[in-house]
Amino acid sequence: MAKRKLRGIQFDSPNEREVFHAKESWVPVVLGCIPILLLGIVAFVVAWRVFSNMRVGLIILGILAVVAIASRVPRIIANMDTDVIVTDKRLYARTGIVDIRDQVCDLSNISDVTVDPSVFGRIFDYADVRVQTRAGEDDINLRAIAHAYDMRRAISQGGDAIRDERRK
């Protein structure tokens, strides 16, 4: 039987079904631009009010807006190419564009899933996730995953179902 692909990730078994799909959250990407944009707005107001020159203020604001966006390009690219899929049997994680890293772990081999949200992560529902395996050396570390608690629940339920199936 041919192996099945979903979003560029090739499943090990053709009869696996997707339980949960996660991407990296856009919120940290956007939040990273805010300090530089605020600095641009302050520079604009200072140039306009103190020096009575709106044109200089707009130029400074424009330059800082370009810097804000350019500084976030690596995070934008990483965000576009992060895919995490939990099936009824395995966890698949694909990260990167040039240096693509595929990681696969059977749900039965996962010993712990740690969800570590920041303050903004609690507000906007994203967190860093660390999936620890029984082997210990194949841990999966994921940054700013949207709906991380739902992902942890899907992994836990899948692992419980596999263990219950083995007991029968």
N, C-alpha and C. Protein backbone atom coordinates (compact mmCIF):
# COMPACT_ATOMS: atom_id res chain seq x y z
N MET A 1 0.82 -1.17 0.00
CA MET A 1 0.00 0.00 0.00
C MET A 1 0.88 1.25 0.00
N ALA A 2 0.47 2.27 -0.72
CA ALA A 2 1.24 3.51 -0.80
C ALA A 2 1.09 4.32 0.48
N LYS A 3 2.15 5.00 0.83
CA LYS A 3 2.09 5.88 1.99
C LYS A 3 1.34 7.14 1.61
N ARG A 4 0.61 7.70 2.54
CA ARG A 4 -0.23 8.87 2.30
C ARG A 4 0.48 10.13 2.78
N LYS A 5 0.32 11.24 2.03
CA LYS A 5 0.92 12.52 2.39
C LYS A 5 -0.16 13.51 2.77
N LEU A 6 0.12 14.31 3.77
CA LEU A 6 -0.79 15.37 4.18
C LEU A 6 0.05 16.60 4.51
N ARG A 7 -0.18 17.69 3.78
CA ARG A 7 0.56 18.94 3.99
C ARG A 7 2.08 18.72 3.94
N GLY A 8 2.53 17.87 3.03
CA GLY A 8 3.96 17.62 2.87
C GLY A 8 4.53 16.61 3.83
N ILE A 9 3.74 16.16 4.79
CA ILE A 9 4.21 15.16 5.75
C ILE A 9 3.71 13.80 5.29
N GLN A 10 4.62 12.87 5.18
CA GLN A 10 4.25 11.53 4.71
C GLN A 10 3.97 10.63 5.92
N PHE A 11 2.74 10.12 5.97
CA PHE A 11 2.36 9.24 7.07
C PHE A 11 3.04 7.89 6.90
N ASP A 12 3.42 7.28 8.03
CA ASP A 12 4.06 5.97 8.00
C ASP A 12 3.07 4.86 7.66
N SER A 13 1.83 5.05 7.99
CA SER A 13 0.81 4.04 7.74
C SER A 13 -0.33 4.67 6.94
N PRO A 14 -0.82 4.00 5.88
CA PRO A 14 -1.87 4.60 5.05
C PRO A 14 -3.22 4.71 5.75
N ASN A 15 -3.44 3.98 6.83
CA ASN A 15 -4.73 4.04 7.50
C ASN A 15 -4.73 4.95 8.73
N GLU A 16 -3.70 5.78 8.89
CA GLU A 16 -3.68 6.76 9.97
C GLU A 16 -4.66 7.88 9.65
N ARG A 17 -5.28 8.40 10.70
CA ARG A 17 -6.17 9.54 10.48
C ARG A 17 -5.72 10.70 11.36
N GLU A 18 -5.85 11.89 10.79
CA GLU A 18 -5.44 13.09 11.50
C GLU A 18 -6.42 13.40 12.63
N VAL A 19 -5.88 13.64 13.82
CA VAL A 19 -6.69 13.99 14.98
C VAL A 19 -6.58 15.48 15.28
N PHE A 20 -5.39 16.03 15.08
CA PHE A 20 -5.15 17.44 15.39
C PHE A 20 -4.06 17.97 14.48
N HIS A 21 -4.24 19.20 14.01
CA HIS A 21 -3.23 19.86 13.18
C HIS A 21 -2.90 21.20 13.82
N ALA A 22 -1.62 21.49 14.00
CA ALA A 22 -1.21 22.74 14.64
C ALA A 22 -0.20 23.47 13.75
N LYS A 23 -0.23 24.78 13.86
CA LYS A 23 0.71 25.66 13.19
C LYS A 23 1.31 26.58 14.24
N GLU A 24 2.38 27.25 13.85
CA GLU A 24 2.94 28.27 14.73
C GLU A 24 2.01 29.47 14.72
N SER A 25 1.81 30.08 15.85
CA SER A 25 0.91 31.22 15.98
C SER A 25 1.52 32.48 15.34
N TRP A 26 0.67 33.31 14.76
CA TRP A 26 1.11 34.58 14.17
C TRP A 26 1.28 35.67 15.23
N VAL A 27 0.74 35.48 16.39
CA VAL A 27 0.75 36.54 17.41
C VAL A 27 2.17 36.98 17.78
N PRO A 28 3.12 36.08 18.07
CA PRO A 28 4.46 36.56 18.42
C PRO A 28 5.15 37.30 17.28
N VAL A 29 4.82 36.92 16.05
CA VAL A 29 5.39 37.62 14.89
C VAL A 29 4.93 39.07 14.89
N VAL A 30 3.64 39.27 15.08
CA VAL A 30 3.08 40.62 15.07
C VAL A 30 3.55 41.40 16.30
N LEU A 31 3.55 40.76 17.46
CA LEU A 31 3.96 41.46 18.69
C LEU A 31 5.41 41.93 18.62
N GLY A 32 6.25 41.22 17.87
CA GLY A 32 7.65 41.61 17.74
C GLY A 32 7.83 42.92 17.00
N CYS A 33 6.86 43.31 16.18
CA CYS A 33 6.93 44.57 15.41
C CYS A 33 6.52 45.78 16.24
N ILE A 34 5.73 45.58 17.24
CA ILE A 34 5.11 46.69 17.97
C ILE A 34 6.12 47.66 18.61
N PRO A 35 7.18 47.20 19.30
CA PRO A 35 8.10 48.18 19.92
C PRO A 35 8.76 49.11 18.89
N ILE A 36 9.16 48.55 17.76
CA ILE A 36 9.82 49.37 16.74
C ILE A 36 8.83 50.36 16.13
N LEU A 37 7.59 49.90 15.90
CA LEU A 37 6.57 50.80 15.35
C LEU A 37 6.23 51.92 16.33
N LEU A 38 6.18 51.60 17.62
CA LEU A 38 5.93 52.64 18.63
C LEU A 38 7.05 53.67 18.63
N LEU A 39 8.28 53.21 18.50
CA LEU A 39 9.42 54.12 18.41
C LEU A 39 9.27 55.03 17.18
N GLY A 40 8.82 54.47 16.07
CA GLY A 40 8.60 55.25 14.86
C GLY A 40 7.52 56.31 15.04
N ILE A 41 6.45 55.94 15.75
CA ILE A 41 5.38 56.90 16.00
C ILE A 41 5.87 58.04 16.89
N VAL A 42 6.65 57.70 17.91
CA VAL A 42 7.21 58.74 18.79
C VAL A 42 8.14 59.65 17.98
N ALA A 43 8.98 59.08 17.12
CA ALA A 43 9.89 59.89 16.30
C ALA A 43 9.10 60.79 15.36
N PHE A 44 8.01 60.27 14.82
CA PHE A 44 7.16 61.06 13.93
C PHE A 44 6.57 62.27 14.68
N VAL A 45 6.03 62.02 15.85
CA VAL A 45 5.42 63.10 16.64
C VAL A 45 6.46 64.13 17.04
N VAL A 46 7.65 63.68 17.45
CA VAL A 46 8.71 64.60 17.84
C VAL A 46 9.13 65.46 16.65
N ALA A 47 9.35 64.82 15.50
CA ALA A 47 9.77 65.57 14.31
C ALA A 47 8.69 66.56 13.88
N TRP A 48 7.46 66.17 14.00
CA TRP A 48 6.34 67.02 13.57
C TRP A 48 6.13 68.19 14.53
N ARG A 49 6.09 67.90 15.85
CA ARG A 49 5.77 68.94 16.84
C ARG A 49 6.98 69.81 17.20
N VAL A 50 8.13 69.18 17.43
CA VAL A 50 9.29 69.94 17.89
C VAL A 50 9.96 70.67 16.72
N PHE A 51 10.17 69.95 15.60
CA PHE A 51 10.88 70.56 14.48
C PHE A 51 9.93 71.09 13.40
N SER A 52 8.63 70.96 13.62
CA SER A 52 7.60 71.42 12.66
C SER A 52 7.86 70.90 11.25
N ASN A 53 8.30 69.66 11.17
CA ASN A 53 8.60 69.07 9.86
C ASN A 53 7.95 67.69 9.78
N MET A 54 6.77 67.64 9.21
CA MET A 54 6.04 66.38 9.11
C MET A 54 6.74 65.41 8.15
N ARG A 55 7.36 65.93 7.12
CA ARG A 55 8.01 65.08 6.11
C ARG A 55 9.15 64.25 6.72
N VAL A 56 9.96 64.85 7.55
CA VAL A 56 11.05 64.12 8.22
C VAL A 56 10.47 63.05 9.14
N GLY A 57 9.41 63.40 9.85
CA GLY A 57 8.75 62.42 10.73
C GLY A 57 8.21 61.24 9.95
N LEU A 58 7.61 61.49 8.79
CA LEU A 58 7.09 60.40 7.96
C LEU A 58 8.22 59.51 7.42
N ILE A 59 9.34 60.13 7.06
CA ILE A 59 10.49 59.36 6.57
C ILE A 59 11.02 58.46 7.68
N ILE A 60 11.16 59.01 8.89
CA ILE A 60 11.64 58.21 10.03
C ILE A 60 10.65 57.08 10.34
N LEU A 61 9.36 57.39 10.34
CA LEU A 61 8.34 56.37 10.59
C LEU A 61 8.40 55.28 9.53
N GLY A 62 8.56 55.67 8.27
CA GLY A 62 8.65 54.69 7.19
C GLY A 62 9.86 53.79 7.32
N ILE A 63 11.00 54.37 7.65
CA ILE A 63 12.23 53.58 7.81
C ILE A 63 12.07 52.59 8.96
N LEU A 64 11.53 53.05 10.08
CA LEU A 64 11.36 52.15 11.22
C LEU A 64 10.30 51.08 10.94
N ALA A 65 9.28 51.39 10.14
CA ALA A 65 8.30 50.36 9.75
C ALA A 65 8.96 49.28 8.91
N VAL A 66 9.83 49.68 7.98
CA VAL A 66 10.56 48.70 7.16
C VAL A 66 11.48 47.86 8.04
N VAL A 67 12.16 48.49 8.98
CA VAL A 67 13.04 47.76 9.91
C VAL A 67 12.22 46.77 10.74
N ALA A 68 11.04 47.19 11.21
CA ALA A 68 10.19 46.31 12.03
C ALA A 68 9.79 45.07 11.23
N ILE A 69 9.38 45.27 10.01
CA ILE A 69 8.95 44.13 9.18
C ILE A 69 10.14 43.26 8.80
N ALA A 70 11.26 43.90 8.41
CA ALA A 70 12.44 43.14 8.01
C ALA A 70 13.00 42.31 9.17
N SER A 71 12.90 42.84 10.38
CA SER A 71 13.41 42.09 11.53
C SER A 71 12.57 40.85 11.84
N ARG A 72 11.34 40.82 11.35
CA ARG A 72 10.45 39.70 11.62
C ARG A 72 10.42 38.67 10.48
N VAL A 73 11.12 38.94 9.37
CA VAL A 73 11.08 38.02 8.22
C VAL A 73 11.45 36.58 8.60
N PRO A 74 12.52 36.35 9.36
CA PRO A 74 12.82 34.96 9.73
C PRO A 74 11.67 34.27 10.48
N ARG A 75 11.00 35.01 11.38
CA ARG A 75 9.86 34.43 12.11
C ARG A 75 8.67 34.19 11.19
N ILE A 76 8.47 35.08 10.21
CA ILE A 76 7.38 34.90 9.25
C ILE A 76 7.62 33.65 8.43
N ILE A 77 8.85 33.46 7.97
CA ILE A 77 9.18 32.28 7.17
C ILE A 77 9.04 31.01 8.01
N ALA A 78 9.53 31.06 9.25
CA ALA A 78 9.40 29.89 10.13
C ALA A 78 7.94 29.58 10.40
N ASN A 79 7.13 30.61 10.54
CA ASN A 79 5.71 30.43 10.80
C ASN A 79 5.03 29.73 9.65
N MET A 80 5.39 30.08 8.43
CA MET A 80 4.75 29.49 7.26
C MET A 80 5.09 28.01 7.10
N ASP A 81 6.25 27.61 7.58
CA ASP A 81 6.67 26.24 7.37
C ASP A 81 6.80 25.42 8.65
N THR A 82 5.93 25.64 9.58
CA THR A 82 5.85 24.80 10.76
C THR A 82 4.51 24.06 10.71
N ASP A 83 4.59 22.75 10.65
CA ASP A 83 3.39 21.91 10.65
C ASP A 83 3.55 20.83 11.71
N VAL A 84 2.55 20.68 12.54
CA VAL A 84 2.52 19.62 13.53
C VAL A 84 1.20 18.88 13.36
N ILE A 85 1.29 17.58 13.13
CA ILE A 85 0.08 16.78 12.95
C ILE A 85 0.10 15.64 13.96
N VAL A 86 -0.99 15.53 14.69
CA VAL A 86 -1.18 14.41 15.60
C VAL A 86 -2.19 13.48 14.93
N THR A 87 -1.78 12.23 14.72
CA THR A 87 -2.70 11.24 14.18
C THR A 87 -3.13 10.33 15.33
N ASP A 88 -3.89 9.32 15.01
CA ASP A 88 -4.31 8.38 16.05
C ASP A 88 -3.17 7.47 16.50
N LYS A 89 -1.99 7.53 15.80
CA LYS A 89 -0.86 6.67 16.17
C LYS A 89 0.44 7.41 16.43
N ARG A 90 0.65 8.55 15.74
CA ARG A 90 1.94 9.21 15.80
C ARG A 90 1.80 10.74 15.86
N LEU A 91 2.94 11.35 16.21
CA LEU A 91 3.08 12.79 16.15
C LEU A 91 4.11 13.09 15.06
N TYR A 92 3.72 13.96 14.11
CA TYR A 92 4.60 14.37 13.03
C TYR A 92 4.86 15.86 13.18
N ALA A 93 6.13 16.26 13.11
CA ALA A 93 6.48 17.68 13.17
C ALA A 93 7.44 18.00 12.05
N ARG A 94 7.11 19.02 11.29
CA ARG A 94 7.99 19.48 10.20
C ARG A 94 8.24 20.96 10.41
N THR A 95 9.52 21.35 10.46
CA THR A 95 9.90 22.75 10.63
C THR A 95 11.00 23.09 9.62
N GLY A 96 11.05 24.35 9.25
CA GLY A 96 12.12 24.86 8.40
C GLY A 96 11.76 24.96 6.93
N ILE A 97 12.53 25.79 6.23
CA ILE A 97 12.39 25.94 4.78
C ILE A 97 13.62 25.37 4.09
N VAL A 98 14.77 25.92 4.40
CA VAL A 98 16.01 25.43 3.80
C VAL A 98 16.49 24.20 4.54
N ASP A 99 16.56 24.30 5.84
CA ASP A 99 16.98 23.18 6.67
C ASP A 99 15.71 22.53 7.23
N ILE A 100 15.06 21.70 6.41
CA ILE A 100 13.80 21.06 6.81
C ILE A 100 14.10 19.95 7.81
N ARG A 101 13.36 19.98 8.89
CA ARG A 101 13.53 18.95 9.92
C ARG A 101 12.20 18.24 10.13
N ASP A 102 12.17 16.97 9.82
CA ASP A 102 10.99 16.13 10.05
C ASP A 102 11.25 15.27 11.27
N GLN A 103 10.30 15.28 12.18
CA GLN A 103 10.41 14.44 13.37
C GLN A 103 9.12 13.64 13.51
N VAL A 104 9.27 12.35 13.81
CA VAL A 104 8.12 11.46 13.96
C VAL A 104 8.29 10.73 15.28
N CYS A 105 7.19 10.61 16.01
CA CYS A 105 7.25 9.90 17.29
C CYS A 105 5.94 9.16 17.49
N ASP A 106 6.03 7.89 17.84
CA ASP A 106 4.83 7.13 18.19
C ASP A 106 4.26 7.70 19.48
N LEU A 107 2.93 7.80 19.52
CA LEU A 107 2.30 8.36 20.72
C LEU A 107 2.57 7.52 21.95
N SER A 108 2.76 6.23 21.75
CA SER A 108 3.04 5.35 22.90
C SER A 108 4.43 5.59 23.48
N ASN A 109 5.32 6.23 22.72
CA ASN A 109 6.69 6.49 23.20
C ASN A 109 6.83 7.86 23.86
N ILE A 110 5.76 8.63 23.91
CA ILE A 110 5.83 9.96 24.51
C ILE A 110 5.63 9.83 26.02
N SER A 111 6.59 10.37 26.77
CA SER A 111 6.50 10.28 28.22
C SER A 111 5.88 11.53 28.84
N ASP A 112 6.10 12.70 28.21
CA ASP A 112 5.57 13.93 28.78
C ASP A 112 5.45 15.01 27.71
N VAL A 113 4.44 15.85 27.85
CA VAL A 113 4.26 17.01 26.98
C VAL A 113 4.19 18.23 27.88
N THR A 114 5.16 19.12 27.73
CA THR A 114 5.22 20.33 28.53
C THR A 114 4.77 21.51 27.69
N VAL A 115 3.79 22.24 28.19
CA VAL A 115 3.28 23.43 27.52
C VAL A 115 3.71 24.63 28.35
N ASP A 116 4.45 25.56 27.72
CA ASP A 116 5.02 26.70 28.44
C ASP A 116 4.57 28.01 27.78
N PRO A 117 3.41 28.54 28.20
CA PRO A 117 2.94 29.79 27.59
C PRO A 117 3.58 31.01 28.24
N SER A 118 3.76 32.05 27.45
CA SER A 118 4.19 33.35 27.99
C SER A 118 2.94 34.09 28.45
N VAL A 119 3.10 35.30 28.92
CA VAL A 119 1.94 36.10 29.33
C VAL A 119 1.03 36.33 28.12
N PHE A 120 1.63 36.74 27.00
CA PHE A 120 0.83 36.94 25.80
C PHE A 120 0.30 35.62 25.27
N GLY A 121 1.04 34.54 25.48
CA GLY A 121 0.59 33.22 25.06
C GLY A 121 -0.69 32.80 25.77
N ARG A 122 -0.80 33.13 27.04
CA ARG A 122 -2.03 32.84 27.78
C ARG A 122 -3.21 33.64 27.24
N ILE A 123 -2.94 34.87 26.87
CA ILE A 123 -4.01 35.73 26.35
C ILE A 123 -4.44 35.29 24.96
N PHE A 124 -3.46 34.99 24.08
CA PHE A 124 -3.76 34.71 22.68
C PHE A 124 -3.71 33.23 22.31
N ASP A 125 -3.65 32.33 23.31
CA ASP A 125 -3.73 30.88 23.11
C ASP A 125 -2.63 30.30 22.24
N TYR A 126 -1.37 30.53 22.66
CA TYR A 126 -0.23 29.85 22.03
C TYR A 126 0.81 29.61 23.11
N ALA A 127 1.73 28.67 22.84
CA ALA A 127 2.76 28.34 23.82
C ALA A 127 3.89 27.57 23.16
N ASP A 128 5.04 27.56 23.82
CA ASP A 128 6.12 26.68 23.42
C ASP A 128 5.78 25.29 23.94
N VAL A 129 6.07 24.27 23.14
CA VAL A 129 5.72 22.90 23.51
C VAL A 129 6.97 22.03 23.44
N ARG A 130 7.17 21.24 24.48
CA ARG A 130 8.27 20.27 24.48
C ARG A 130 7.67 18.88 24.67
N VAL A 131 7.91 18.03 23.68
CA VAL A 131 7.43 16.65 23.72
C VAL A 131 8.62 15.77 24.08
N GLN A 132 8.54 15.15 25.26
CA GLN A 132 9.63 14.29 25.72
C GLN A 132 9.28 12.84 25.43
N THR A 133 10.26 12.14 24.88
CA THR A 133 10.07 10.73 24.56
C THR A 133 10.72 9.87 25.62
N ARG A 134 10.36 8.62 25.60
CA ARG A 134 10.96 7.69 26.57
C ARG A 134 12.46 7.53 26.34
N ALA A 135 12.90 7.62 25.09
CA ALA A 135 14.33 7.51 24.78
C ALA A 135 15.09 8.73 25.29
N GLY A 136 14.45 9.88 25.33
CA GLY A 136 15.06 11.07 25.89
C GLY A 136 15.88 11.89 24.90
N GLU A 137 16.45 11.25 23.90
CA GLU A 137 17.29 11.99 22.97
C GLU A 137 16.54 12.52 21.76
N ASP A 138 15.33 12.06 21.53
CA ASP A 138 14.54 12.48 20.38
C ASP A 138 13.42 13.45 20.77
N ASP A 139 13.68 14.28 21.78
CA ASP A 139 12.66 15.24 22.21
C ASP A 139 12.34 16.21 21.08
N ILE A 140 11.09 16.66 21.03
CA ILE A 140 10.64 17.58 20.00
C ILE A 140 10.31 18.91 20.68
N ASN A 141 11.00 19.96 20.26
CA ASN A 141 10.77 21.30 20.80
C ASN A 141 10.13 22.17 19.73
N LEU A 142 8.98 22.74 20.05
CA LEU A 142 8.23 23.55 19.10
C LEU A 142 7.97 24.92 19.70
N ARG A 143 8.13 25.97 18.90
CA ARG A 143 7.97 27.35 19.38
C ARG A 143 6.61 27.90 19.01
N ALA A 144 5.97 28.57 19.95
CA ALA A 144 4.76 29.38 19.73
C ALA A 144 3.68 28.63 18.96
N ILE A 145 3.32 27.46 19.42
CA ILE A 145 2.30 26.65 18.74
C ILE A 145 0.91 27.14 19.16
N ALA A 146 0.08 27.42 18.17
CA ALA A 146 -1.29 27.85 18.43
C ALA A 146 -2.09 26.67 18.99
N HIS A 147 -2.94 26.93 19.96
CA HIS A 147 -3.80 25.92 20.59
C HIS A 147 -2.97 24.76 21.17
N ALA A 148 -1.92 25.10 21.87
CA ALA A 148 -0.98 24.11 22.40
C ALA A 148 -1.65 23.16 23.41
N TYR A 149 -2.56 23.66 24.21
CA TYR A 149 -3.23 22.79 25.18
C TYR A 149 -4.12 21.76 24.48
N ASP A 150 -4.75 22.15 23.38
CA ASP A 150 -5.54 21.19 22.60
C ASP A 150 -4.63 20.12 21.99
N MET A 151 -3.44 20.53 21.56
CA MET A 151 -2.49 19.56 21.02
C MET A 151 -2.06 18.57 22.11
N ARG A 152 -1.76 19.09 23.30
CA ARG A 152 -1.38 18.20 24.40
C ARG A 152 -2.50 17.21 24.73
N ARG A 153 -3.74 17.69 24.71
CA ARG A 153 -4.89 16.82 24.98
C ARG A 153 -5.00 15.73 23.91
N ALA A 154 -4.81 16.08 22.63
CA ALA A 154 -4.89 15.09 21.54
C ALA A 154 -3.80 14.03 21.68
N ILE A 155 -2.59 14.46 22.05
CA ILE A 155 -1.49 13.51 22.24
C ILE A 155 -1.80 12.58 23.41
N SER A 156 -2.28 13.14 24.51
CA SER A 156 -2.59 12.36 25.70
C SER A 156 -3.70 11.35 25.43
N GLN A 157 -4.76 11.78 24.77
CA GLN A 157 -5.86 10.87 24.46
C GLN A 157 -5.43 9.77 23.50
N GLY A 158 -4.60 10.12 22.51
CA GLY A 158 -4.10 9.12 21.57
C GLY A 158 -3.21 8.10 22.25
N GLY A 159 -2.34 8.57 23.12
CA GLY A 159 -1.46 7.66 23.87
C GLY A 159 -2.26 6.74 24.78
N ASP A 160 -3.29 7.29 25.45
CA ASP A 160 -4.15 6.47 26.32
C ASP A 160 -4.89 5.41 25.51
N ALA A 161 -5.37 5.78 24.33
CA ALA A 161 -6.10 4.82 23.49
C ALA A 161 -5.19 3.69 23.02
N ILE A 162 -3.95 4.03 22.69
CA ILE A 162 -3.00 2.98 22.25
C ILE A 162 -2.67 2.05 23.41
N ARG A 163 -2.45 2.61 24.60
CA ARG A 163 -2.14 1.76 25.75
C ARG A 163 -3.34 0.86 26.13
N ASP A 164 -4.57 1.41 26.05
CA ASP A 164 -5.76 0.61 26.33
C ASP A 164 -5.91 -0.51 25.31
N GLU A 165 -5.59 -0.23 24.06
CA GLU A 165 -5.69 -1.23 22.99
C GLU A 165 -4.70 -2.36 23.22
N ARG A 166 -3.52 -2.04 23.70
CA ARG A 166 -2.49 -3.08 23.97
C ARG A 166 -2.86 -3.96 25.15
N ARG A 167 -3.59 -3.41 26.10
CA ARG A 167 -3.97 -4.19 27.28
C ARG A 167 -5.01 -5.26 26.93
N LYS A 168 -5.79 -5.02 25.92
CA LYS A 168 -6.88 -5.95 25.56
C LYS A 168 -6.37 -7.20 24.89
